[in-house]
Structures are given as structure tokens and as C-alpha cells.
Amino acid sequence: MFLLMLFCWGPSVVWTLYGTPRKTVTLSSYGGHVFQEEGVWNYSTMLLREDMGVLILGARETIFALDLNNITHKKAM
């Protein structure tokens, strides 16, 4: 019985610790800008650097540094 409780309890704890976003921004508060690059898909990794004003976006074989004030503008890094 203890192993069953441990098995059922374990995944929910992991999900709570690692599956919760640290920062959530709604689309309406964000202003609706969209970043899209021709021939690039599978955007899978994001890193927010508020101190630098940059959103670092990783896609398949590509990394972008986007301006937080307007993500349609790429920043040189």
C-alpha cells in the first residue's frame, strides 16, 4: 500500500515543482506582437532576460535574441 501511495504521489509533486511556469503573460496584456521567421519552425526553448531586455528563443538549428519591447525586432548579441 505504501508503494502505491508513493507511486501516485510522486509524479504530482514533480509536476508541481517543474511544470509550473515561473512567469505568465496573457496575450491581451502583451499587445499581440508575433515573431515568425521564414523557414524556421519548432520553437522549443525560451529564456527571459528582463535585466537585458531580451527574450532568447531557440528553434531547430537557430537561436534568436528578441527585443522585449517589440519581439518582432531581433537584437544583435
PDB file of N, CA and C in Angstrom:
ATOM      1  N   MET A   1       0.824  -1.188   0.000  1.00  0.00           N
ATOM      2  CA  MET A   1       0.000   0.000   0.000  1.00  0.00           C
ATOM      3  C   MET A   1       0.873   1.259   0.000  1.00  0.00           C
ATOM      4  N   PHE A   2       1.952   1.239   0.768  1.00  0.00           N
ATOM      5  CA  PHE A   2       2.844   2.391   0.830  1.00  0.00           C
ATOM      6  C   PHE A   2       3.458   2.689  -0.541  1.00  0.00           C
ATOM      7  N   LEU A   3       3.883   1.639  -1.264  1.00  0.00           N
ATOM      8  CA  LEU A   3       4.467   1.837  -2.589  1.00  0.00           C
ATOM      9  C   LEU A   3       3.452   2.417  -3.561  1.00  0.00           C
ATOM     10  N   LEU A   4       2.209   1.989  -3.464  1.00  0.00           N
ATOM     11  CA  LEU A   4       1.158   2.531  -4.323  1.00  0.00           C
ATOM     12  C   LEU A   4       0.952   4.013  -4.033  1.00  0.00           C
ATOM     13  N   MET A   5       0.933   4.389  -2.754  1.00  0.00           N
ATOM     14  CA  MET A   5       0.768   5.797  -2.389  1.00  0.00           C
ATOM     15  C   MET A   5       1.962   6.616  -2.874  1.00  0.00           C
ATOM     16  N   LEU A   6       3.153   6.071  -2.728  1.00  0.00           N
ATOM     17  CA  LEU A   6       4.355   6.768  -3.161  1.00  0.00           C
ATOM     18  C   LEU A   6       4.363   6.950  -4.677  1.00  0.00           C
ATOM     19  N   PHE A   7       3.955   5.917  -5.401  1.00  0.00           N
ATOM     20  CA  PHE A   7       3.912   5.982  -6.861  1.00  0.00           C
ATOM     21  C   PHE A   7       2.901   7.028  -7.329  1.00  0.00           C
ATOM     22  N   CYS A   8       1.743   7.062  -6.726  1.00  0.00           N
ATOM     23  CA  CYS A   8       0.701   8.016  -7.124  1.00  0.00           C
ATOM     24  C   CYS A   8       1.040   9.436  -6.687  1.00  0.00           C
ATOM     25  N   TRP A   9       1.719   9.595  -5.592  1.00  0.00           N
ATOM     26  CA  TRP A   9       2.030  10.912  -5.063  1.00  0.00           C
ATOM     27  C   TRP A   9       3.229  11.535  -5.772  1.00  0.00           C
ATOM     28  N   GLY A  10       4.204  10.702  -6.150  1.00  0.00           N
ATOM     29  CA  GLY A  10       5.451  11.191  -6.726  1.00  0.00           C
ATOM     30  C   GLY A  10       5.301  12.036  -7.981  1.00  0.00           C
ATOM     31  N   PRO A  11       4.614  11.571  -9.029  1.00  0.00           N
ATOM     32  CA  PRO A  11       4.516  12.363 -10.256  1.00  0.00           C
ATOM     33  C   PRO A  11       3.837  13.708 -10.059  1.00  0.00           C
ATOM     34  N   SER A  12       2.859  13.781  -9.177  1.00  0.00           N
ATOM     35  CA  SER A  12       2.178  15.063  -8.977  1.00  0.00           C
ATOM     36  C   SER A  12       3.102  16.080  -8.320  1.00  0.00           C
ATOM     37  N   VAL A  13       3.985  15.624  -7.461  1.00  0.00           N
ATOM     38  CA  VAL A  13       4.941  16.528  -6.825  1.00  0.00           C
ATOM     39  C   VAL A  13       5.933  17.035  -7.862  1.00  0.00           C
ATOM     40  N   VAL A  14       6.439  16.151  -8.707  1.00  0.00           N
ATOM     41  CA  VAL A  14       7.380  16.545  -9.750  1.00  0.00           C
ATOM     42  C   VAL A  14       6.704  17.529 -10.698  1.00  0.00           C
ATOM     43  N   TRP A  15       5.465  17.261 -11.093  1.00  0.00           N
ATOM     44  CA  TRP A  15       4.745  18.155 -11.999  1.00  0.00           C
ATOM     45  C   TRP A  15       4.579  19.533 -11.363  1.00  0.00           C
ATOM     46  N   THR A  16       4.274  19.576 -10.085  1.00  0.00           N
ATOM     47  CA  THR A  16       4.091  20.847  -9.398  1.00  0.00           C
ATOM     48  C   THR A  16       5.390  21.632  -9.342  1.00  0.00           C
ATOM     49  N   LEU A  17       6.502  20.960  -9.109  1.00  0.00           N
ATOM     50  CA  LEU A  17       7.778  21.655  -8.986  1.00  0.00           C
ATOM     51  C   LEU A  17       8.330  22.119 -10.325  1.00  0.00           C
ATOM     52  N   TYR A  18       8.203  21.302 -11.362  1.00  0.00           N
ATOM     53  CA  TYR A  18       8.865  21.598 -12.625  1.00  0.00           C
ATOM     54  C   TYR A  18       7.913  21.987 -13.749  1.00  0.00           C
ATOM     55  N   GLY A  19       6.622  21.743 -13.617  1.00  0.00           N
ATOM     56  CA  GLY A  19       5.685  22.024 -14.693  1.00  0.00           C
ATOM     57  C   GLY A  19       4.996  23.358 -14.581  1.00  0.00           C
ATOM     58  N   THR A  20       5.241  24.097 -13.517  1.00  0.00           N
ATOM     59  CA  THR A  20       4.575  25.373 -13.321  1.00  0.00           C
ATOM     60  C   THR A  20       5.419  26.493 -13.917  1.00  0.00           C
ATOM     61  N   PRO A  21       4.837  27.314 -14.802  1.00  0.00           N
ATOM     62  CA  PRO A  21       5.617  28.421 -15.357  1.00  0.00           C
ATOM     63  C   PRO A  21       6.025  29.407 -14.277  1.00  0.00           C
ATOM     64  N   ARG A  22       7.191  29.979 -14.411  1.00  0.00           N
ATOM     65  CA  ARG A  22       7.657  30.960 -13.435  1.00  0.00           C
ATOM     66  C   ARG A  22       7.042  32.322 -13.693  1.00  0.00           C
ATOM     67  N   LYS A  23       6.709  32.590 -14.946  1.00  0.00           N
ATOM     68  CA  LYS A  23       6.093  33.866 -15.287  1.00  0.00           C
ATOM     69  C   LYS A  23       5.079  33.621 -16.395  1.00  0.00           C
ATOM     70  N   THR A  24       3.886  34.148 -16.228  1.00  0.00           N
ATOM     71  CA  THR A  24       2.839  34.000 -17.227  1.00  0.00           C
ATOM     72  C   THR A  24       2.427  35.377 -17.717  1.00  0.00           C
ATOM     73  N   VAL A  25       2.344  35.529 -19.029  1.00  0.00           N
ATOM     74  CA  VAL A  25       1.917  36.786 -19.640  1.00  0.00           C
ATOM     75  C   VAL A  25       0.767  36.466 -20.574  1.00  0.00           C
ATOM     76  N   THR A  26      -0.365  37.130 -20.375  1.00  0.00           N
ATOM     77  CA  THR A  26      -1.510  36.878 -21.247  1.00  0.00           C
ATOM     78  C   THR A  26      -1.318  37.592 -22.577  1.00  0.00           C
ATOM     79  N   LEU A  27      -1.904  37.060 -23.618  1.00  0.00           N
ATOM     80  CA  LEU A  27      -1.759  37.632 -24.944  1.00  0.00           C
ATOM     81  C   LEU A  27      -2.346  39.032 -25.017  1.00  0.00           C
ATOM     82  N   SER A  28      -3.455  39.271 -24.318  1.00  0.00           N
ATOM     83  CA  SER A  28      -4.076  40.595 -24.381  1.00  0.00           C
ATOM     84  C   SER A  28      -3.214  41.662 -23.695  1.00  0.00           C
ATOM     85  N   SER A  29      -2.516  41.313 -22.625  1.00  0.00           N
ATOM     86  CA  SER A  29      -1.667  42.292 -21.947  1.00  0.00           C
ATOM     87  C   SER A  29      -0.352  42.496 -22.688  1.00  0.00           C
ATOM     88  N   TYR A  30      -0.054  41.607 -23.558  1.00  0.00           N
ATOM     89  CA  TYR A  30       1.214  41.589 -24.261  1.00  0.00           C
ATOM     90  C   TYR A  30       1.198  42.477 -25.501  1.00  0.00           C
ATOM     91  N   GLY A  31       0.052  42.767 -26.039  1.00  0.00           N
ATOM     92  CA  GLY A  31      -0.032  43.671 -27.181  1.00  0.00           C
ATOM     93  C   GLY A  31      -0.183  42.976 -28.519  1.00  0.00           C
ATOM     94  N   GLY A  32      -0.013  41.686 -28.573  1.00  0.00           N
ATOM     95  CA  GLY A  32      -0.294  40.937 -29.783  1.00  0.00           C
ATOM     96  C   GLY A  32       0.800  40.872 -30.830  1.00  0.00           C
ATOM     97  N   HIS A  33       2.046  41.226 -30.516  1.00  0.00           N
ATOM     98  CA  HIS A  33       3.131  41.087 -31.488  1.00  0.00           C
ATOM     99  C   HIS A  33       3.465  39.611 -31.658  1.00  0.00           C
ATOM    100  N   VAL A  34       3.794  39.234 -32.872  1.00  0.00           N
ATOM    101  CA  VAL A  34       4.131  37.841 -33.166  1.00  0.00           C
ATOM    102  C   VAL A  34       5.483  37.814 -33.871  1.00  0.00           C
ATOM    103  N   PHE A  35       6.344  36.895 -33.440  1.00  0.00           N
ATOM    104  CA  PHE A  35       7.627  36.704 -34.111  1.00  0.00           C
ATOM    105  C   PHE A  35       7.537  35.450 -34.959  1.00  0.00           C
ATOM    106  N   GLN A  36       7.960  35.576 -36.209  1.00  0.00           N
ATOM    107  CA  GLN A  36       7.977  34.427 -37.105  1.00  0.00           C
ATOM    108  C   GLN A  36       9.102  34.634 -38.105  1.00  0.00           C
ATOM    109  N   GLU A  37       9.881  33.611 -38.320  1.00  0.00           N
ATOM    110  CA  GLU A  37      10.998  33.679 -39.257  1.00  0.00           C
ATOM    111  C   GLU A  37      10.746  32.663 -40.366  1.00  0.00           C
ATOM    112  N   GLU A  38      10.921  33.081 -41.596  1.00  0.00           N
ATOM    113  CA  GLU A  38      10.692  32.220 -42.757  1.00  0.00           C
ATOM    114  C   GLU A  38      11.579  30.975 -42.691  1.00  0.00           C
ATOM    115  N   GLY A  39      10.988  29.811 -42.857  1.00  0.00           N
ATOM    116  CA  GLY A  39      11.723  28.557 -42.883  1.00  0.00           C
ATOM    117  C   GLY A  39      12.129  28.012 -41.523  1.00  0.00           C
ATOM    118  N   VAL A  40      11.702  28.655 -40.441  1.00  0.00           N
ATOM    119  CA  VAL A  40      12.058  28.196 -39.095  1.00  0.00           C
ATOM    120  C   VAL A  40      10.795  27.719 -38.395  1.00  0.00           C
ATOM    121  N   TRP A  41      10.886  26.569 -37.754  1.00  0.00           N
ATOM    122  CA  TRP A  41       9.763  26.021 -37.015  1.00  0.00           C
ATOM    123  C   TRP A  41      10.298  25.320 -35.777  1.00  0.00           C
ATOM    124  N   ASN A  42       9.417  24.764 -34.998  1.00  0.00           N
ATOM    125  CA  ASN A  42       9.781  24.023 -33.797  1.00  0.00           C
ATOM    126  C   ASN A  42      10.493  24.907 -32.771  1.00  0.00           C
ATOM    127  N   TYR A  43       9.880  26.051 -32.470  1.00  0.00           N
ATOM    128  CA  TYR A  43      10.399  26.910 -31.400  1.00  0.00           C
ATOM    129  C   TYR A  43      10.170  26.172 -30.085  1.00  0.00           C
ATOM    130  N   SER A  44      11.235  25.780 -29.413  1.00  0.00           N
ATOM    131  CA  SER A  44      11.055  24.893 -28.266  1.00  0.00           C
ATOM    132  C   SER A  44      11.662  25.403 -26.963  1.00  0.00           C
ATOM    133  N   THR A  45      12.536  26.380 -27.015  1.00  0.00           N
ATOM    134  CA  THR A  45      13.212  26.827 -25.804  1.00  0.00           C
ATOM    135  C   THR A  45      13.165  28.345 -25.710  1.00  0.00           C
ATOM    136  N   MET A  46      12.823  28.838 -24.509  1.00  0.00           N
ATOM    137  CA  MET A  46      12.801  30.280 -24.285  1.00  0.00           C
ATOM    138  C   MET A  46      13.528  30.605 -22.991  1.00  0.00           C
ATOM    139  N   LEU A  47      14.252  31.704 -23.000  1.00  0.00           N
ATOM    140  CA  LEU A  47      14.908  32.215 -21.803  1.00  0.00           C
ATOM    141  C   LEU A  47      14.646  33.710 -21.746  1.00  0.00           C
ATOM    142  N   LEU A  48      14.036  34.160 -20.671  1.00  0.00           N
ATOM    143  CA  LEU A  48      13.709  35.569 -20.497  1.00  0.00           C
ATOM    144  C   LEU A  48      14.800  36.240 -19.687  1.00  0.00           C
ATOM    145  N   ARG A  49      15.432  37.267 -20.251  1.00  0.00           N
ATOM    146  CA  ARG A  49      16.447  38.062 -19.549  1.00  0.00           C
ATOM    147  C   ARG A  49      15.905  39.477 -19.423  1.00  0.00           C
ATOM    148  N   GLU A  50      15.099  39.699 -18.390  1.00  0.00           N
ATOM    149  CA  GLU A  50      14.497  41.013 -18.185  1.00  0.00           C
ATOM    150  C   GLU A  50      15.556  42.076 -17.919  1.00  0.00           C
ATOM    151  N   ASP A  51      16.656  41.695 -17.256  1.00  0.00           N
ATOM    152  CA  ASP A  51      17.717  42.661 -16.966  1.00  0.00           C
ATOM    153  C   ASP A  51      18.377  43.189 -18.237  1.00  0.00           C
ATOM    154  N   MET A  52      18.366  42.407 -19.311  1.00  0.00           N
ATOM    155  CA  MET A  52      18.940  42.814 -20.593  1.00  0.00           C
ATOM    156  C   MET A  52      17.875  43.244 -21.598  1.00  0.00           C
ATOM    157  N   GLY A  53      16.594  43.052 -21.244  1.00  0.00           N
ATOM    158  CA  GLY A  53      15.514  43.396 -22.166  1.00  0.00           C
ATOM    159  C   GLY A  53      15.443  42.469 -23.362  1.00  0.00           C
ATOM    160  N   VAL A  54      15.760  41.184 -23.134  1.00  0.00           N
ATOM    161  CA  VAL A  54      15.875  40.231 -24.237  1.00  0.00           C
ATOM    162  C   VAL A  54      15.102  38.953 -23.933  1.00  0.00           C
ATOM    163  N   LEU A  55      14.447  38.421 -24.960  1.00  0.00           N
ATOM    164  CA  LEU A  55      13.881  37.080 -24.925  1.00  0.00           C
ATOM    165  C   LEU A  55      14.724  36.240 -25.866  1.00  0.00           C
ATOM    166  N   ILE A  56      15.393  35.232 -25.335  1.00  0.00           N
ATOM    167  CA  ILE A  56      16.215  34.347 -26.151  1.00  0.00           C
ATOM    168  C   ILE A  56      15.339  33.161 -26.526  1.00  0.00           C
ATOM    169  N   LEU A  57      15.223  32.933 -27.824  1.00  0.00           N
ATOM    170  CA  LEU A  57      14.305  31.933 -28.358  1.00  0.00           C
ATOM    171  C   LEU A  57      15.087  30.923 -29.171  1.00  0.00           C
ATOM    172  N   GLY A  58      14.968  29.657 -28.805  1.00  0.00           N
ATOM    173  CA  GLY A  58      15.654  28.598 -29.524  1.00  0.00           C
ATOM    174  C   GLY A  58      14.690  27.835 -30.404  1.00  0.00           C
ATOM    175  N   ALA A  59      15.097  27.619 -31.637  1.00  0.00           N
ATOM    176  CA  ALA A  59      14.319  26.836 -32.590  1.00  0.00           C
ATOM    177  C   ALA A  59      15.257  25.804 -33.203  1.00  0.00           C
ATOM    178  N   ARG A  60      14.739  25.021 -34.100  1.00  0.00           N
ATOM    179  CA  ARG A  60      15.562  23.989 -34.717  1.00  0.00           C
ATOM    180  C   ARG A  60      16.744  24.628 -35.446  1.00  0.00           C
ATOM    181  N   GLU A  61      17.956  24.382 -34.954  1.00  0.00           N
ATOM    182  CA  GLU A  61      19.218  24.856 -35.514  1.00  0.00           C
ATOM    183  C   GLU A  61      19.341  26.379 -35.574  1.00  0.00           C
ATOM    184  N   THR A  62      18.570  27.110 -34.760  1.00  0.00           N
ATOM    185  CA  THR A  62      18.597  28.573 -34.779  1.00  0.00           C
ATOM    186  C   THR A  62      18.367  29.120 -33.381  1.00  0.00           C
ATOM    187  N   ILE A  63      19.029  30.228 -33.047  1.00  0.00           N
ATOM    188  CA  ILE A  63      18.789  30.935 -31.789  1.00  0.00           C
ATOM    189  C   ILE A  63      18.555  32.404 -32.123  1.00  0.00           C
ATOM    190  N   PHE A  64      17.511  32.983 -31.525  1.00  0.00           N
ATOM    191  CA  PHE A  64      17.175  34.387 -31.741  1.00  0.00           C
ATOM    192  C   PHE A  64      17.233  35.127 -30.418  1.00  0.00           C
ATOM    193  N   ALA A  65      17.660  36.371 -30.459  1.00  0.00           N
ATOM    194  CA  ALA A  65      17.579  37.281 -29.317  1.00  0.00           C
ATOM    195  C   ALA A  65      16.598  38.373 -29.722  1.00  0.00           C
ATOM    196  N   LEU A  66      15.454  38.435 -29.038  1.00  0.00           N
ATOM    197  CA  LEU A  66      14.381  39.350 -29.416  1.00  0.00           C
ATOM    198  C   LEU A  66      14.238  40.462 -28.394  1.00  0.00           C
ATOM    199  N   ASP A  67      13.941  41.651 -28.867  1.00  0.00           N
ATOM    200  CA  ASP A  67      13.717  42.815 -28.012  1.00  0.00           C
ATOM    201  C   ASP A  67      12.416  42.623 -27.244  1.00  0.00           C
ATOM    202  N   LEU A  68      12.444  42.758 -25.923  1.00  0.00           N
ATOM    203  CA  LEU A  68      11.235  42.571 -25.113  1.00  0.00           C
ATOM    204  C   LEU A  68      10.164  43.617 -25.382  1.00  0.00           C
ATOM    205  N   ASN A  69      10.558  44.804 -25.780  1.00  0.00           N
ATOM    206  CA  ASN A  69       9.573  45.847 -26.056  1.00  0.00           C
ATOM    207  C   ASN A  69       8.794  45.583 -27.335  1.00  0.00           C
ATOM    208  N   ASN A  70       9.421  44.896 -28.281  1.00  0.00           N
ATOM    209  CA  ASN A  70       8.755  44.521 -29.523  1.00  0.00           C
ATOM    210  C   ASN A  70       9.474  43.294 -30.066  1.00  0.00           C
ATOM    211  N   ILE A  71       8.890  42.131 -29.880  1.00  0.00           N
ATOM    212  CA  ILE A  71       9.583  40.889 -30.236  1.00  0.00           C
ATOM    213  C   ILE A  71       9.737  40.692 -31.735  1.00  0.00           C
ATOM    214  N   THR A  72       9.145  41.562 -32.547  1.00  0.00           N
ATOM    215  CA  THR A  72       9.370  41.457 -33.987  1.00  0.00           C
ATOM    216  C   THR A  72      10.749  41.985 -34.373  1.00  0.00           C
ATOM    217  N   HIS A  73      11.439  42.669 -33.444  1.00  0.00           N
ATOM    218  CA  HIS A  73      12.794  43.181 -33.691  1.00  0.00           C
ATOM    219  C   HIS A  73      13.831  42.248 -33.074  1.00  0.00           C
ATOM    220  N   LYS A  74      14.776  41.815 -33.890  1.00  0.00           N
ATOM    221  CA  LYS A  74      15.869  40.981 -33.395  1.00  0.00           C
ATOM    222  C   LYS A  74      16.978  41.886 -32.869  1.00  0.00           C
ATOM    223  N   LYS A  75      17.637  41.440 -31.796  1.00  0.00           N
ATOM    224  CA  LYS A  75      18.775  42.172 -31.230  1.00  0.00           C
ATOM    225  C   LYS A  75      20.064  41.453 -31.603  1.00  0.00           C
ATOM    226  N   ALA A  76      21.095  42.214 -31.843  1.00  0.00           N
ATOM    227  CA  ALA A  76      22.416  41.631 -32.073  1.00  0.00           C
ATOM    228  C   ALA A  76      23.037  41.344 -30.718  1.00  0.00           C
ATOM    229  N   MET A  77      23.610  40.183 -30.563  1.00  0.00           N
ATOM    230  CA  MET A  77      24.221  39.809 -29.287  1.00  0.00           C
ATOM    231  C   MET A  77      25.669  39.447 -29.531  1.00  0.00           C
TER     232      MET A  77
END
